[in-house]
PDB file of N, CA and C in Angstrom:
ATOM      1  N   UNK A   1       3.530  21.842  -9.942  1.00  0.00           N
ATOM      2  CA  UNK A   1       3.430  20.962  -8.805  1.00  0.00           C
ATOM      3  C   UNK A   1       4.795  20.309  -8.584  1.00  0.00           C
ATOM      4  N   UNK A   2       5.207  20.274  -7.330  1.00  0.00           N
ATOM      5  CA  UNK A   2       6.504  19.700  -7.008  1.00  0.00           C
ATOM      6  C   UNK A   2       6.507  18.185  -7.189  1.00  0.00           C
ATOM      7  N   UNK A   3       7.662  17.665  -7.524  1.00  0.00           N
ATOM      8  CA  UNK A   3       7.810  16.232  -7.723  1.00  0.00           C
ATOM      9  C   UNK A   3       7.535  15.455  -6.431  1.00  0.00           C
ATOM     10  N   UNK A   4       7.869  16.022  -5.282  1.00  0.00           N
ATOM     11  CA  UNK A   4       7.627  15.336  -4.014  1.00  0.00           C
ATOM     12  C   UNK A   4       6.138  15.175  -3.740  1.00  0.00           C
ATOM     13  N   UNK A   5       5.343  16.151  -4.156  1.00  0.00           N
ATOM     14  CA  UNK A   5       3.892  16.065  -3.980  1.00  0.00           C
ATOM     15  C   UNK A   5       3.317  14.967  -4.869  1.00  0.00           C
ATOM     16  N   UNK A   6       3.781  14.920  -6.111  1.00  0.00           N
ATOM     17  CA  UNK A   6       3.324  13.894  -7.036  1.00  0.00           C
ATOM     18  C   UNK A   6       3.722  12.511  -6.513  1.00  0.00           C
ATOM     19  N   UNK A   7       4.931  12.403  -5.988  1.00  0.00           N
ATOM     20  CA  UNK A   7       5.408  11.136  -5.438  1.00  0.00           C
ATOM     21  C   UNK A   7       4.503  10.671  -4.285  1.00  0.00           C
ATOM     22  N   UNK A   8       4.143  11.577  -3.406  1.00  0.00           N
ATOM     23  CA  UNK A   8       3.273  11.234  -2.282  1.00  0.00           C
ATOM     24  C   UNK A   8       1.880  10.809  -2.763  1.00  0.00           C
ATOM     25  N   UNK A   9       1.364  11.471  -3.775  1.00  0.00           N
ATOM     26  CA  UNK A   9       0.058  11.112  -4.323  1.00  0.00           C
ATOM     27  C   UNK A   9       0.098   9.710  -4.929  1.00  0.00           C
ATOM     28  N   UNK A  10       1.163   9.406  -5.666  1.00  0.00           N
ATOM     29  CA  UNK A  10       1.285   8.086  -6.275  1.00  0.00           C
ATOM     30  C   UNK A  10       1.431   6.984  -5.223  1.00  0.00           C
ATOM     31  N   UNK A  11       2.195   7.227  -4.186  1.00  0.00           N
ATOM     32  CA  UNK A  11       2.359   6.233  -3.120  1.00  0.00           C
ATOM     33  C   UNK A  11       1.026   6.031  -2.398  1.00  0.00           C
ATOM     34  N   UNK A  12       0.307   7.104  -2.113  1.00  0.00           N
ATOM     35  CA  UNK A  12      -0.998   6.979  -1.454  1.00  0.00           C
ATOM     36  C   UNK A  12      -1.991   6.217  -2.348  1.00  0.00           C
ATOM     37  N   UNK A  13      -1.917   6.445  -3.649  1.00  0.00           N
ATOM     38  CA  UNK A  13      -2.780   5.706  -4.579  1.00  0.00           C
ATOM     39  C   UNK A  13      -2.430   4.224  -4.584  1.00  0.00           C
ATOM     40  N   UNK A  14      -1.158   3.909  -4.528  1.00  0.00           N
ATOM     41  CA  UNK A  14      -0.725   2.513  -4.483  1.00  0.00           C
ATOM     42  C   UNK A  14      -1.195   1.843  -3.190  1.00  0.00           C
ATOM     43  N   UNK A  15      -1.200   2.581  -2.094  1.00  0.00           N
ATOM     44  CA  UNK A  15      -1.704   2.050  -0.825  1.00  0.00           C
ATOM     45  C   UNK A  15      -3.187   1.717  -0.953  1.00  0.00           C
ATOM     46  N   UNK A  16      -3.942   2.608  -1.567  1.00  0.00           N
ATOM     47  CA  UNK A  16      -5.366   2.363  -1.774  1.00  0.00           C
ATOM     48  C   UNK A  16      -5.620   1.153  -2.655  1.00  0.00           C
ATOM     49  N   UNK A  17      -4.837   1.026  -3.719  1.00  0.00           N
ATOM     50  CA  UNK A  17      -4.991  -0.125  -4.612  1.00  0.00           C
ATOM     51  C   UNK A  17      -4.640  -1.434  -3.903  1.00  0.00           C
ATOM     52  N   UNK A  18      -3.595  -1.417  -3.094  1.00  0.00           N
ATOM     53  CA  UNK A  18      -3.229  -2.618  -2.323  1.00  0.00           C
ATOM     54  C   UNK A  18      -4.352  -3.005  -1.362  1.00  0.00           C
ATOM     55  N   UNK A  19      -4.977  -2.012  -0.746  1.00  0.00           N
ATOM     56  CA  UNK A  19      -6.062  -2.299   0.191  1.00  0.00           C
ATOM     57  C   UNK A  19      -7.249  -2.935  -0.532  1.00  0.00           C
ATOM     58  N   UNK A  20      -7.640  -2.351  -1.640  1.00  0.00           N
ATOM     59  CA  UNK A  20      -8.789  -2.874  -2.393  1.00  0.00           C
ATOM     60  C   UNK A  20      -8.487  -4.270  -2.940  1.00  0.00           C
ATOM     61  N   UNK A  21      -7.331  -4.423  -3.570  1.00  0.00           N
ATOM     62  CA  UNK A  21      -6.969  -5.707  -4.165  1.00  0.00           C
ATOM     63  C   UNK A  21      -6.790  -6.775  -3.087  1.00  0.00           C
ATOM     64  N   UNK A  22      -6.144  -6.400  -1.976  1.00  0.00           N
ATOM     65  CA  UNK A  22      -5.929  -7.365  -0.900  1.00  0.00           C
ATOM     66  C   UNK A  22      -7.229  -7.834  -0.285  1.00  0.00           C
ATOM     67  N   UNK A  23      -8.128  -6.913  -0.031  1.00  0.00           N
ATOM     68  CA  UNK A  23      -9.420  -7.274   0.552  1.00  0.00           C
ATOM     69  C   UNK A  23     -10.205  -8.168  -0.407  1.00  0.00           C
ATOM     70  N   UNK A  24     -10.207  -7.812  -1.677  1.00  0.00           N
ATOM     71  CA  UNK A  24     -10.908  -8.619  -2.679  1.00  0.00           C
ATOM     72  C   UNK A  24     -10.320 -10.024  -2.758  1.00  0.00           C
ATOM     73  N   UNK A  25      -9.007 -10.114  -2.768  1.00  0.00           N
ATOM     74  CA  UNK A  25      -8.350 -11.420  -2.862  1.00  0.00           C
ATOM     75  C   UNK A  25      -8.625 -12.285  -1.639  1.00  0.00           C
ATOM     76  N   UNK A  26      -8.600 -11.678  -0.466  1.00  0.00           N
ATOM     77  CA  UNK A  26      -8.865 -12.440   0.756  1.00  0.00           C
ATOM     78  C   UNK A  26     -10.307 -12.952   0.752  1.00  0.00           C
ATOM     79  N   UNK A  27     -11.243 -12.100   0.401  1.00  0.00           N
ATOM     80  CA  UNK A  27     -12.652 -12.517   0.379  1.00  0.00           C
ATOM     81  C   UNK A  27     -12.875 -13.638  -0.629  1.00  0.00           C
ATOM     82  N   UNK A  28     -12.343 -13.485  -1.831  1.00  0.00           N
ATOM     83  CA  UNK A  28     -12.509 -14.522  -2.852  1.00  0.00           C
ATOM     84  C   UNK A  28     -11.773 -15.795  -2.447  1.00  0.00           C
ATOM     85  N   UNK A  29     -10.589 -15.657  -1.879  1.00  0.00           N
ATOM     86  CA  UNK A  29      -9.827 -16.820  -1.451  1.00  0.00           C
ATOM     87  C   UNK A  29     -10.533 -17.612  -0.367  1.00  0.00           C
ATOM     88  N   UNK A  30     -11.149 -16.920   0.575  1.00  0.00           N
ATOM     89  CA  UNK A  30     -11.897 -17.604   1.636  1.00  0.00           C
ATOM     90  C   UNK A  30     -13.161 -18.235   1.070  1.00  0.00           C
ATOM     91  N   UNK A  31     -13.870 -17.499   0.223  1.00  0.00           N
ATOM     92  CA  UNK A  31     -15.127 -18.000  -0.348  1.00  0.00           C
ATOM     93  C   UNK A  31     -14.916 -19.246  -1.197  1.00  0.00           C
ATOM     94  N   UNK A  32     -13.876 -19.218  -2.036  1.00  0.00           N
ATOM     95  CA  UNK A  32     -13.624 -20.329  -2.944  1.00  0.00           C
ATOM     96  C   UNK A  32     -12.719 -21.406  -2.337  1.00  0.00           C
ATOM     97  N   UNK A  33     -12.108 -21.105  -1.218  1.00  0.00           N
ATOM     98  CA  UNK A  33     -11.183 -22.056  -0.611  1.00  0.00           C
ATOM     99  C   UNK A  33      -9.876 -22.169  -1.368  1.00  0.00           C
ATOM    100  N   UNK A  34      -9.517 -21.121  -2.095  1.00  0.00           N
ATOM    101  CA  UNK A  34      -8.296 -21.109  -2.901  1.00  0.00           C
ATOM    102  C   UNK A  34      -7.157 -20.511  -2.079  1.00  0.00           C
ATOM    103  N   UNK A  35      -6.194 -21.335  -1.730  1.00  0.00           N
ATOM    104  CA  UNK A  35      -5.080 -20.883  -0.892  1.00  0.00           C
ATOM    105  C   UNK A  35      -4.196 -19.880  -1.616  1.00  0.00           C
ATOM    106  N   UNK A  36      -4.008 -20.069  -2.925  1.00  0.00           N
ATOM    107  CA  UNK A  36      -3.172 -19.152  -3.697  1.00  0.00           C
ATOM    108  C   UNK A  36      -3.726 -17.738  -3.706  1.00  0.00           C
ATOM    109  N   UNK A  37      -5.028 -17.622  -3.893  1.00  0.00           N
ATOM    110  CA  UNK A  37      -5.664 -16.301  -3.906  1.00  0.00           C
ATOM    111  C   UNK A  37      -5.613 -15.670  -2.509  1.00  0.00           C
ATOM    112  N   UNK A  38      -5.800 -16.479  -1.500  1.00  0.00           N
ATOM    113  CA  UNK A  38      -5.710 -15.978  -0.125  1.00  0.00           C
ATOM    114  C   UNK A  38      -4.302 -15.488   0.179  1.00  0.00           C
ATOM    115  N   UNK A  39      -3.311 -16.253  -0.250  1.00  0.00           N
ATOM    116  CA  UNK A  39      -1.918 -15.855  -0.050  1.00  0.00           C
ATOM    117  C   UNK A  39      -1.603 -14.559  -0.798  1.00  0.00           C
ATOM    118  N   UNK A  40      -2.151 -14.419  -1.995  1.00  0.00           N
ATOM    119  CA  UNK A  40      -1.959 -13.192  -2.770  1.00  0.00           C
ATOM    120  C   UNK A  40      -2.532 -11.981  -2.028  1.00  0.00           C
ATOM    121  N   UNK A  41      -3.681 -12.157  -1.386  1.00  0.00           N
ATOM    122  CA  UNK A  41      -4.265 -11.078  -0.598  1.00  0.00           C
ATOM    123  C   UNK A  41      -3.399 -10.701   0.590  1.00  0.00           C
ATOM    124  N   UNK A  42      -2.837 -11.695   1.238  1.00  0.00           N
ATOM    125  CA  UNK A  42      -1.968 -11.430   2.388  1.00  0.00           C
ATOM    126  C   UNK A  42      -0.703 -10.702   1.949  1.00  0.00           C
ATOM    127  N   UNK A  43      -0.132 -11.117   0.827  1.00  0.00           N
ATOM    128  CA  UNK A  43       1.053 -10.440   0.290  1.00  0.00           C
ATOM    129  C   UNK A  43       0.716  -8.991  -0.069  1.00  0.00           C
ATOM    130  N   UNK A  44      -0.483  -8.775  -0.562  1.00  0.00           N
ATOM    131  CA  UNK A  44      -0.911  -7.415  -0.892  1.00  0.00           C
ATOM    132  C   UNK A  44      -0.969  -6.539   0.366  1.00  0.00           C
ATOM    133  N   UNK A  45      -1.435  -7.109   1.475  1.00  0.00           N
ATOM    134  CA  UNK A  45      -1.468  -6.352   2.726  1.00  0.00           C
ATOM    135  C   UNK A  45      -0.061  -6.083   3.266  1.00  0.00           C
ATOM    136  N   UNK A  46       0.856  -7.001   3.029  1.00  0.00           N
ATOM    137  CA  UNK A  46       2.252  -6.770   3.414  1.00  0.00           C
ATOM    138  C   UNK A  46       2.824  -5.617   2.595  1.00  0.00           C
ATOM    139  N   UNK A  47       2.521  -5.601   1.292  1.00  0.00           N
ATOM    140  CA  UNK A  47       2.965  -4.497   0.440  1.00  0.00           C
ATOM    141  C   UNK A  47       2.342  -3.178   0.898  1.00  0.00           C
ATOM    142  N   UNK A  48       1.082  -3.221   1.318  1.00  0.00           N
ATOM    143  CA  UNK A  48       0.404  -2.033   1.835  1.00  0.00           C
ATOM    144  C   UNK A  48       1.153  -1.491   3.054  1.00  0.00           C
ATOM    145  N   UNK A  49       1.515  -2.377   3.963  1.00  0.00           N
ATOM    146  CA  UNK A  49       2.231  -1.950   5.172  1.00  0.00           C
ATOM    147  C   UNK A  49       3.594  -1.354   4.821  1.00  0.00           C
ATOM    148  N   UNK A  50       4.285  -1.974   3.874  1.00  0.00           N
ATOM    149  CA  UNK A  50       5.596  -1.464   3.464  1.00  0.00           C
ATOM    150  C   UNK A  50       5.474  -0.088   2.812  1.00  0.00           C
ATOM    151  N   UNK A  51       4.479   0.085   1.966  1.00  0.00           N
ATOM    152  CA  UNK A  51       4.272   1.389   1.329  1.00  0.00           C
ATOM    153  C   UNK A  51       3.869   2.456   2.342  1.00  0.00           C
ATOM    154  N   UNK A  52       3.048   2.084   3.309  1.00  0.00           N
ATOM    155  CA  UNK A  52       2.646   3.043   4.343  1.00  0.00           C
ATOM    156  C   UNK A  52       3.855   3.470   5.173  1.00  0.00           C
ATOM    157  N   UNK A  53       4.709   2.512   5.499  1.00  0.00           N
ATOM    158  CA  UNK A  53       5.934   2.834   6.247  1.00  0.00           C
ATOM    159  C   UNK A  53       6.833   3.753   5.425  1.00  0.00           C
ATOM    160  N   UNK A  54       6.971   3.440   4.134  1.00  0.00           N
ATOM    161  CA  UNK A  54       7.796   4.271   3.256  1.00  0.00           C
ATOM    162  C   UNK A  54       7.253   5.692   3.164  1.00  0.00           C
ATOM    163  N   UNK A  55       5.946   5.836   3.018  1.00  0.00           N
ATOM    164  CA  UNK A  55       5.341   7.165   2.920  1.00  0.00           C
ATOM    165  C   UNK A  55       5.557   7.960   4.203  1.00  0.00           C
ATOM    166  N   UNK A  56       5.432   7.286   5.327  1.00  0.00           N
ATOM    167  CA  UNK A  56       5.648   7.957   6.612  1.00  0.00           C
ATOM    168  C   UNK A  56       7.090   8.460   6.725  1.00  0.00           C
ATOM    169  N   UNK A  57       8.054   7.604   6.384  1.00  0.00           N
ATOM    170  CA  UNK A  57       9.469   8.007   6.448  1.00  0.00           C
ATOM    171  C   UNK A  57       9.766   9.120   5.440  1.00  0.00           C
ATOM    172  N   UNK A  58       9.172   9.052   4.262  1.00  0.00           N
ATOM    173  CA  UNK A  58       9.380  10.078   3.240  1.00  0.00           C
ATOM    174  C   UNK A  58       8.898  11.433   3.752  1.00  0.00           C
ATOM    175  N   UNK A  59       7.727  11.446   4.371  1.00  0.00           N
ATOM    176  CA  UNK A  59       7.195  12.700   4.915  1.00  0.00           C
ATOM    177  C   UNK A  59       8.037  13.221   6.072  1.00  0.00           C
ATOM    178  N   UNK A  60       8.572  12.316   6.885  1.00  0.00           N
ATOM    179  CA  UNK A  60       9.447  12.738   7.984  1.00  0.00           C
ATOM    180  C   UNK A  60      10.717  13.386   7.447  1.00  0.00           C
ATOM    181  N   UNK A  61      11.286  12.791   6.415  1.00  0.00           N
ATOM    182  CA  UNK A  61      12.502  13.362   5.834  1.00  0.00           C
ATOM    183  C   UNK A  61      12.235  14.718   5.193  1.00  0.00           C
ATOM    184  N   UNK A  62      11.071  14.883   4.580  1.00  0.00           N
ATOM    185  CA  UNK A  62      10.710  16.191   4.016  1.00  0.00           C
ATOM    186  C   UNK A  62      10.578  17.232   5.114  1.00  0.00           C
ATOM    187  N   UNK A  63       9.970  16.844   6.233  1.00  0.00           N
ATOM    188  CA  UNK A  63       9.792  17.765   7.353  1.00  0.00           C
ATOM    189  C   UNK A  63      11.147  18.155   7.945  1.00  0.00           C
ATOM    190  N   UNK A  64      12.085  17.211   8.004  1.00  0.00           N
ATOM    191  CA  UNK A  64      13.406  17.514   8.531  1.00  0.00           C
ATOM    192  C   UNK A  64      14.153  18.505   7.639  1.00  0.00           C
ATOM    193  N   UNK A  65      14.000  18.381   6.338  1.00  0.00           N
ATOM    194  CA  UNK A  65      14.659  19.291   5.413  1.00  0.00           C
ATOM    195  C   UNK A  65      14.092  20.708   5.524  1.00  0.00           C
ATOM    196  N   UNK A  66      12.770  20.811   5.735  1.00  0.00           N
ATOM    197  CA  UNK A  66      12.141  22.124   5.828  1.00  0.00           C
ATOM    198  C   UNK A  66      12.395  22.781   7.171  1.00  0.00           C
ATOM    199  N   UNK A  67      12.428  21.934   8.221  1.00  0.00           N
ATOM    200  CA  UNK A  67      12.506  22.457   9.582  1.00  0.00           C
ATOM    201  C   UNK A  67      13.873  22.777   9.990  1.00  0.00           C
TER     202      UNK A  67
END
């Protein structure tokens, strides 16, 4: 298996983990009224967006090299 494929799988897994953790943190933060936990959930969603952007650019660069 190529290293680029493994890299894409790991980034996609990190996106999934950020989504699950962020959603959990936001729900718990709202339920308990804990601002720190809510902020942690929001930061997790920011990390999710950054990773998604990175994965998109990585795939574009791979396509440019092949094409």
